[in-house]
Protein backbone atom coordinates (compact mmCIF):
# COMPACT_ATOMS: atom_id res chain seq x y z
CA MET A 1 -40.25 -36.00 -64.94
CA SER A 2 -37.59 -34.51 -67.35
CA PRO A 3 -35.39 -32.05 -65.57
CA ASP A 4 -35.81 -28.44 -66.28
CA PRO A 5 -33.32 -27.22 -68.94
CA LEU A 6 -32.73 -24.01 -67.04
CA ALA A 7 -32.31 -25.54 -63.78
CA SER A 8 -29.77 -28.19 -65.43
CA SER A 9 -27.81 -25.41 -67.28
CA PHE A 10 -27.42 -23.28 -63.94
CA SER A 11 -24.13 -24.75 -63.17
CA THR A 12 -22.50 -24.21 -66.50
CA SER A 13 -20.10 -21.47 -66.35
CA TYR A 14 -21.25 -18.22 -68.19
CA ALA A 15 -17.70 -16.94 -68.13
CA GLY A 16 -16.54 -20.32 -69.87
CA VAL A 17 -19.15 -19.94 -72.44
CA VAL A 18 -17.95 -16.41 -73.21
CA ALA A 19 -14.26 -17.58 -73.19
CA PHE A 20 -15.17 -20.25 -75.68
CA VAL A 21 -16.96 -17.91 -78.13
CA ALA A 22 -13.83 -15.45 -77.89
CA VAL A 23 -11.23 -18.26 -78.70
CA ALA A 24 -13.68 -19.62 -81.45
CA ALA A 25 -13.77 -16.09 -82.97
CA GLU A 26 -10.18 -15.11 -82.44
CA GLY A 27 -8.62 -18.53 -83.23
CA SER A 28 -6.25 -18.01 -80.44
CA PHE A 29 -6.20 -18.31 -76.49
CA ALA A 30 -3.87 -15.43 -76.26
CA LYS A 31 -5.84 -13.09 -78.64
CA ALA A 32 -9.06 -14.04 -76.76
CA GLY A 33 -7.38 -13.02 -73.54
CA ASP A 34 -6.49 -9.61 -75.01
CA ARG A 35 -10.06 -9.11 -76.05
CA LEU A 36 -11.62 -10.03 -72.81
CA GLY A 37 -8.82 -8.25 -70.84
CA ILE A 38 -7.60 -11.27 -68.88
CA GLY A 39 -4.65 -13.40 -69.21
CA ARG A 40 -4.27 -16.48 -71.52
CA SER A 41 -4.21 -18.87 -68.57
CA ALA A 42 -7.43 -17.49 -67.38
CA VAL A 43 -9.06 -18.06 -70.70
CA SER A 44 -7.76 -21.75 -70.93
CA ARG A 45 -9.10 -22.51 -67.30
CA ASN A 46 -12.66 -21.37 -68.18
CA VAL A 47 -12.55 -23.13 -71.36
CA ARG A 48 -11.32 -26.31 -69.61
CA LYS A 49 -13.98 -26.09 -66.88
CA LEU A 50 -16.63 -25.75 -69.52
CA GLU A 51 -15.49 -28.78 -71.41
CA ILE A 52 -15.68 -30.78 -68.22
CA GLN A 53 -19.05 -29.46 -67.28
CA LEU A 54 -20.33 -30.47 -70.90
CA GLY A 55 -18.40 -33.83 -70.92
CA THR A 56 -16.76 -33.19 -74.28
CA ARG A 57 -13.76 -31.68 -75.97
CA LEU A 58 -14.37 -28.32 -77.70
CA PHE A 59 -10.92 -27.50 -79.20
CA LEU A 60 -8.14 -29.26 -80.94
CA ARG A 61 -4.83 -27.58 -79.68
CA THR A 62 -1.41 -27.74 -81.24
CA THR A 63 1.80 -25.60 -80.55
CA ARG A 64 1.07 -23.77 -83.73
CA SER A 65 -2.84 -23.65 -83.91
CA THR A 66 -6.19 -23.98 -82.35
CA SER A 67 -9.39 -25.23 -84.02
CA LEU A 68 -12.79 -26.48 -82.97
CA THR A 69 -13.73 -30.02 -82.80
CA ARG A 70 -17.07 -31.13 -84.56
CA GLU A 71 -18.68 -30.75 -81.14
CA GLY A 72 -17.05 -27.52 -80.80
CA GLU A 73 -18.41 -26.27 -84.07
CA ARG A 74 -22.00 -27.54 -83.22
CA PHE A 75 -21.74 -25.80 -79.68
CA TYR A 76 -20.47 -22.51 -81.29
CA GLU A 77 -23.19 -22.62 -83.91
CA LYS A 78 -25.87 -23.03 -81.20
CA CYS A 79 -24.50 -20.68 -78.48
CA HIS A 80 -23.01 -17.74 -80.45
CA PRO A 81 -26.29 -16.14 -81.53
CA GLY A 82 -27.51 -16.56 -77.87
CA VAL A 83 -24.40 -14.81 -76.30
CA GLU A 84 -24.64 -12.09 -79.05
CA ARG A 85 -28.32 -11.49 -77.91
CA ILE A 86 -27.18 -11.48 -74.19
CA LEU A 87 -24.58 -8.81 -75.31
CA GLN A 88 -27.12 -6.77 -77.09
CA ALA A 89 -29.44 -6.97 -73.94
CA LEU A 90 -26.77 -5.66 -71.81
CA GLU A 91 -25.91 -2.90 -74.15
CA ASP A 92 -29.65 -1.98 -74.23
CA MET A 93 -29.78 -1.76 -70.43
CA ARG A 94 -26.71 0.56 -70.49
CA ASP A 95 -28.28 2.64 -73.01
CA LEU A 96 -31.46 2.97 -71.35
CA ARG A 97 -29.64 3.99 -68.11
CA GLU A 98 -26.99 6.13 -69.78
CA GLY A 99 -27.99 6.80 -73.35
CA PRO A 100 -30.58 9.01 -75.04
CA PRO A 101 -33.87 8.79 -73.39
CA ARG A 102 -36.30 6.18 -74.94
CA GLY A 103 -38.82 3.53 -74.07
CA GLN A 104 -42.18 3.47 -72.13
CA LEU A 105 -43.11 5.42 -69.15
CA ARG A 106 -46.17 4.76 -66.93
CA ILE A 107 -47.46 7.62 -64.64
CA VAL A 108 -50.06 7.91 -62.10
CA ALA A 109 -51.56 11.07 -60.68
CA THR A 110 -54.73 12.10 -58.71
CA PRO A 111 -57.42 13.30 -61.36
CA ALA A 112 -57.17 17.08 -60.32
CA PHE A 113 -53.55 17.15 -60.11
CA GLY A 114 -52.98 15.12 -63.35
CA ARG A 115 -55.53 17.23 -65.32
CA ARG A 116 -54.55 20.78 -64.15
CA VAL A 117 -50.81 20.23 -63.62
CA VAL A 118 -49.33 17.14 -65.09
CA MET A 119 -51.16 16.83 -68.56
CA PRO A 120 -50.58 20.29 -69.73
CA LEU A 121 -46.78 19.65 -69.52
CA LEU A 122 -46.59 16.45 -71.38
CA GLY A 123 -46.53 17.93 -74.67
CA GLY A 124 -43.48 19.83 -74.13
CA PHE A 125 -41.75 16.90 -72.58
CA ARG A 126 -42.72 14.82 -75.72
CA THR A 127 -41.41 17.52 -77.89
CA ARG A 128 -38.03 17.42 -76.12
CA TYR A 129 -37.90 13.76 -75.83
CA PRO A 130 -39.78 12.33 -78.77
CA ASP A 131 -38.58 8.70 -78.29
CA VAL A 132 -40.42 8.51 -74.82
CA ALA A 133 -44.00 7.00 -74.97
CA ILE A 134 -46.26 8.33 -72.09
CA GLU A 135 -49.15 6.47 -70.27
CA LEU A 136 -50.84 8.78 -67.74
CA ILE A 137 -53.35 7.15 -65.35
CA LEU A 138 -55.50 9.26 -63.05
CA ASP A 139 -56.44 7.52 -59.91
CA GLU A 140 -57.13 8.54 -56.25
CA ARG A 141 -56.20 5.19 -54.85
CA HIS A 142 -52.79 4.12 -53.28
CA VAL A 143 -50.48 2.99 -55.87
CA ASP A 144 -48.36 -0.26 -55.91
CA PHE A 145 -45.32 0.42 -57.97
CA THR A 146 -44.53 -3.14 -58.67
CA SER A 147 -47.96 -4.86 -59.24
CA ASP A 148 -49.21 -1.74 -61.08
CA ARG A 149 -45.91 -1.43 -63.03
CA ILE A 150 -45.76 2.15 -62.31
CA ASP A 151 -42.59 4.34 -62.92
CA VAL A 152 -43.56 7.67 -61.53
CA ALA A 153 -46.54 8.89 -59.21
CA PHE A 154 -47.68 12.20 -58.39
CA HIS A 155 -48.79 12.00 -54.77
CA ASP A 156 -50.52 14.77 -52.52
CA GLY A 157 -48.44 14.42 -49.27
CA ARG A 158 -45.41 12.26 -48.91
CA MET A 159 -45.90 8.48 -49.37
CA GLU A 160 -44.94 6.74 -45.97
CA GLU A 161 -43.07 3.72 -47.81
CA SER A 162 -39.36 3.25 -46.97
CA GLN A 163 -38.50 1.97 -50.48
CA VAL A 164 -40.14 4.89 -52.26
CA VAL A 165 -38.26 8.08 -53.01
CA ALA A 166 -40.50 11.03 -52.64
CA ARG A 167 -39.39 14.51 -53.88
CA GLN A 168 -41.54 17.60 -53.01
CA VAL A 169 -42.39 19.49 -56.16
CA ILE A 170 -44.31 22.42 -54.71
CA PRO A 171 -46.09 23.03 -51.53
CA MET A 172 -49.72 21.98 -50.85
CA GLN A 173 -51.83 24.86 -49.72
CA LEU A 174 -55.55 24.19 -48.64
CA LEU A 175 -57.69 27.05 -49.10
CA VAL A 176 -61.39 27.62 -47.95
CA CYS A 177 -62.98 29.37 -51.05
CA ALA A 178 -66.43 30.67 -52.30
CA SER A 179 -67.66 32.75 -55.16
CA PRO A 180 -67.93 36.45 -54.66
CA GLU A 181 -71.76 36.11 -55.26
CA TYR A 182 -71.97 33.50 -52.26
CA ALA A 183 -69.87 35.72 -50.24
CA ARG A 184 -71.99 38.86 -50.75
CA ALA A 185 -75.07 36.84 -49.81
CA HIS A 186 -73.87 34.84 -46.92
CA GLY A 187 -70.30 36.44 -45.85
CA LEU A 188 -67.40 34.16 -45.30
CA PRO A 189 -66.05 32.50 -42.10
CA SER A 190 -63.68 34.30 -40.15
CA ARG A 191 -63.14 31.60 -37.56
CA VAL A 192 -63.12 27.79 -37.97
CA GLU A 193 -66.10 27.72 -35.61
CA ASP A 194 -68.05 29.82 -38.21
CA ILE A 195 -67.93 26.92 -40.84
CA ALA A 196 -70.77 25.36 -39.13
CA GLY A 197 -73.23 28.13 -40.35
CA HIS A 198 -72.32 27.82 -43.93
CA GLN A 199 -73.28 25.78 -46.94
CA CYS A 200 -70.41 23.35 -47.40
CA ILE A 201 -69.56 21.27 -50.37
CA ARG A 202 -67.69 18.19 -49.54
CA GLN A 203 -65.59 15.39 -51.43
CA ARG A 204 -65.73 11.53 -51.20
CA LEU A 205 -62.64 10.08 -51.60
CA ALA A 206 -62.01 6.85 -53.52
CA SER A 207 -61.72 4.86 -50.11
CA GLY A 208 -65.34 5.94 -49.56
CA ARG A 209 -64.33 8.22 -46.62
CA ILE A 210 -65.42 12.01 -46.79
CA SER A 211 -62.44 14.18 -47.19
CA GLU A 212 -61.70 16.15 -43.68
CA TRP A 213 -61.03 19.77 -43.82
CA GLU A 214 -57.80 20.70 -42.11
CA PHE A 215 -56.72 23.74 -40.13
CA LYS A 216 -54.41 25.13 -37.80
CA VAL A 217 -55.96 26.48 -34.51
CA ASP A 218 -53.68 28.26 -31.79
CA GLY A 219 -50.67 26.21 -33.04
CA HIS A 220 -52.52 22.85 -33.19
CA ALA A 221 -53.80 20.72 -36.06
CA CYS A 222 -57.65 20.47 -36.36
CA ARG A 223 -59.70 18.47 -38.56
CA LEU A 224 -63.45 18.62 -39.11
CA THR A 225 -66.16 17.00 -41.45
CA PRO A 226 -68.72 19.69 -42.07
CA GLU A 227 -72.42 18.71 -42.68
CA SER A 228 -73.23 19.08 -46.30
CA ALA A 229 -76.05 19.10 -48.75
CA CYS A 230 -73.70 18.45 -51.70
CA THR A 231 -71.05 16.01 -51.87
CA PHE A 232 -69.14 14.81 -55.03
CA ASN A 233 -66.41 12.28 -55.72
CA ASP A 234 -64.54 14.52 -58.12
CA PRO A 235 -62.68 17.78 -56.98
CA ASP A 236 -63.44 19.38 -60.16
CA LEU A 237 -67.21 19.12 -59.53
CA VAL A 238 -66.61 20.49 -56.03
CA LEU A 239 -64.88 23.51 -57.77
CA GLN A 240 -67.70 23.86 -60.18
CA ALA A 241 -70.33 23.84 -57.43
CA ILE A 242 -68.34 26.81 -55.41
CA LEU A 243 -68.00 28.66 -58.81
CA ASP A 244 -71.65 28.33 -59.33
CA GLY A 245 -72.28 29.92 -55.78
CA GLN A 246 -73.70 26.70 -54.16
CA GLY A 247 -71.35 27.07 -50.91
CA ILE A 248 -67.83 27.11 -49.41
CA ALA A 249 -65.19 24.18 -49.98
CA GLN A 250 -61.77 23.58 -48.92
CA LEU A 251 -59.72 22.83 -52.01
CA PRO A 252 -55.96 22.45 -53.11
CA GLY A 253 -54.30 25.64 -54.17
CA PHE A 254 -53.38 24.51 -57.66
CA LEU A 255 -56.98 23.98 -58.32
CA VAL A 256 -58.27 27.38 -57.41
CA ALA A 257 -55.38 29.78 -58.14
CA ALA A 258 -56.41 31.00 -61.57
CA HIS A 259 -60.08 31.52 -60.20
CA LEU A 260 -58.73 33.60 -57.32
CA ARG A 261 -56.31 35.63 -59.55
CA GLU A 262 -59.13 36.46 -61.70
CA GLY A 263 -61.70 37.28 -59.09
CA ARG A 264 -63.90 34.38 -59.84
CA LEU A 265 -63.37 32.94 -56.20
CA SER A 266 -62.56 34.59 -52.83
CA SER A 267 -60.68 32.77 -50.11
CA CYS A 268 -60.93 32.90 -46.27
CA LEU A 269 -59.22 31.50 -43.13
CA GLY A 270 -56.05 31.99 -44.56
CA HIS A 271 -54.56 32.56 -40.87
CA HIS A 272 -55.86 29.00 -40.21
CA GLN A 273 -54.06 27.22 -43.04
CA PRO A 274 -52.82 23.62 -42.03
CA ASP A 275 -49.20 22.73 -42.21
CA ASP A 276 -47.81 22.06 -45.53
CA ARG A 277 -48.07 18.47 -46.84
CA GLY A 278 -46.65 19.06 -50.33
CA HIS A 279 -47.24 17.70 -53.74
CA TYR A 280 -44.55 14.84 -54.33
CA VAL A 281 -43.18 13.08 -57.33
CA CYS A 282 -42.46 9.58 -56.18
CA TYR A 283 -40.33 6.62 -57.57
CA LEU A 284 -38.80 3.53 -56.50
CA SER A 285 -34.94 4.24 -56.36
CA ARG A 286 -32.32 6.79 -56.73
CA HIS A 287 -29.82 4.26 -58.15
CA GLN A 288 -29.90 2.87 -61.60
CA LEU A 289 -32.68 4.96 -62.83
CA PRO A 290 -33.33 4.56 -66.72
CA THR A 291 -32.55 7.80 -68.41
CA ARG A 292 -36.22 8.36 -69.43
CA ILE A 293 -37.35 8.36 -65.83
CA ARG A 294 -34.53 10.57 -64.66
CA VAL A 295 -35.21 13.21 -67.34
CA PHE A 296 -39.04 12.93 -66.84
CA ILE A 297 -38.54 13.61 -63.06
CA ASP A 298 -36.22 16.48 -63.57
CA TYR A 299 -38.39 18.06 -66.42
CA MET A 300 -41.69 18.07 -64.58
CA THR A 301 -40.14 19.27 -61.29
CA GLU A 302 -38.52 22.26 -63.10
CA GLN A 303 -41.71 23.13 -65.15
CA ILE A 304 -44.18 22.65 -62.24
CA ARG A 305 -42.24 24.95 -60.11
CA LYS A 306 -41.67 27.44 -62.85
CA GLY A 307 -45.40 27.40 -63.34
CA ASP A 308 -45.71 28.87 -59.91
CA GLN A 309 -48.99 27.04 -59.39
CA GLN A 310 -48.83 27.54 -55.67
CA ASP A 311 -47.67 31.30 -55.37
CA LEU A 312 -50.62 32.50 -53.51
CA THR A 313 -49.13 34.66 -51.05
CA MET A 314 -50.44 37.83 -52.27
CA LEU A 315 -53.95 36.29 -52.70
CA THR A 316 -54.27 34.80 -49.19
CA ALA A 317 -52.13 37.19 -47.04
CA ALA A 318 -55.35 39.53 -46.52
CA ASP A 319 -58.61 37.43 -46.75
CA ASN A 320 -61.36 39.64 -48.20
CA ARG A 321 -62.94 40.89 -44.97
CA SER A 322 -65.64 42.82 -46.62
CA TYR A 323 -67.59 39.52 -47.03
CA ALA A 324 -67.63 38.91 -43.22
CA ALA A 325 -71.03 37.83 -41.93
CA PRO A 326 -72.89 39.60 -39.07
CA ASP A 327 -71.20 38.54 -35.72
CA GLN A 328 -73.18 35.56 -34.35
CA PRO A 329 -70.74 33.58 -32.34
CA PRO A 330 -71.88 29.94 -32.27
CA ARG A 331 -72.33 28.23 -28.82
CA VAL A 332 -69.45 25.94 -28.07
CA ARG A 333 -69.14 23.08 -25.47
CA THR A 334 -66.38 20.69 -24.85
CA SER A 335 -67.09 17.04 -24.86
CA LYS A 336 -65.49 14.38 -22.48
CA SER A 337 -63.21 13.43 -25.41
CA GLY A 338 -61.87 16.95 -25.68
CA LEU A 339 -63.74 17.70 -29.02
CA ARG A 340 -65.20 21.26 -29.22
CA ILE A 341 -68.96 20.79 -30.19
CA VAL A 342 -70.12 23.77 -32.25
CA ASN A 343 -73.87 24.46 -32.68
CA GLY A 344 -74.44 25.77 -36.01
CA GLY A 345 -77.30 27.95 -35.37
CA GLU A 346 -80.79 27.98 -37.04
CA GLY A 347 -79.77 28.32 -40.66
CA PRO A 348 -80.38 25.61 -43.18
CA MET A 349 -76.89 24.15 -42.33
CA GLY A 350 -77.57 24.28 -38.48
CA GLY A 351 -76.76 21.31 -36.49
CA GLN A 352 -73.66 20.01 -34.47
CA ARG A 353 -70.21 19.98 -35.80
CA GLN A 354 -66.97 18.68 -34.20
CA THR A 355 -63.53 20.27 -34.25
CA ARG A 356 -60.45 19.83 -32.07
């Protein structure tokens, strides 16, 4: 089997090739040293090492002149364009890291966040940086930066990977909401236990699991999966269902903020909001980031925060108590595992629910 040319050339000194090209271009070892920023003797040593590795003489040297041998002329003709391409590639890499932003950006975001938050800002970014091409992928699944060739990912909650840098962009508030029509007809829960007596709209995640509803009760985290007559695999469909008055659902603040402000939705259980998990922008390294990635992260962080997507303090500080249902406290018992089992009563959504 013939040897691999790449493997057989590994021992050849790149410094020797660069020194050789410089001497051939300048016509002098001293001038080549000045151009490379090293001494004449260092240039001579590198060229001599290259000649030994190649097994041929590349220069004819006298006290007055330096010229290429026939072999040297042939070697220069073949390797000079390659060295120029390497220098150009190095310059391109420096330009990508330090020069004007340009090139391709591959971004991934969850469908809801991508549609509502990321997509509306891309036009402004492209106007400011027209030489950056963008590919936006909407996907609920866990992203692999390397195999999926992703530059930037927007993620709900911090990514628990040591090699991934995660910068929180905005808080992640989870709100239980319903339409005013549903609230007038059925009331709204004032306690987590009251959820069992309501028509709940759930989301199925890309993993196949049903998304749990999260709360904080008496200072402790609490998760539950309510019974439901309607389940969708897209949060926008869940949102549409509650806007249509089909029930209540827990959704992220950025998805319901505009509807709350305009009175199309009402929120409840604000005093049981879970701890903030945050919306994050994630990338692989803080160091040696290409300019296009760095300016994109900075632009999106600034614009998303400026958009004030999560400023719901005024909307959730006082849940609309006028929609409270008649007081019919559920029957509660504690299982051996410590779960609180809540009986939902005799309504259409009756049955057992579990909460911690």
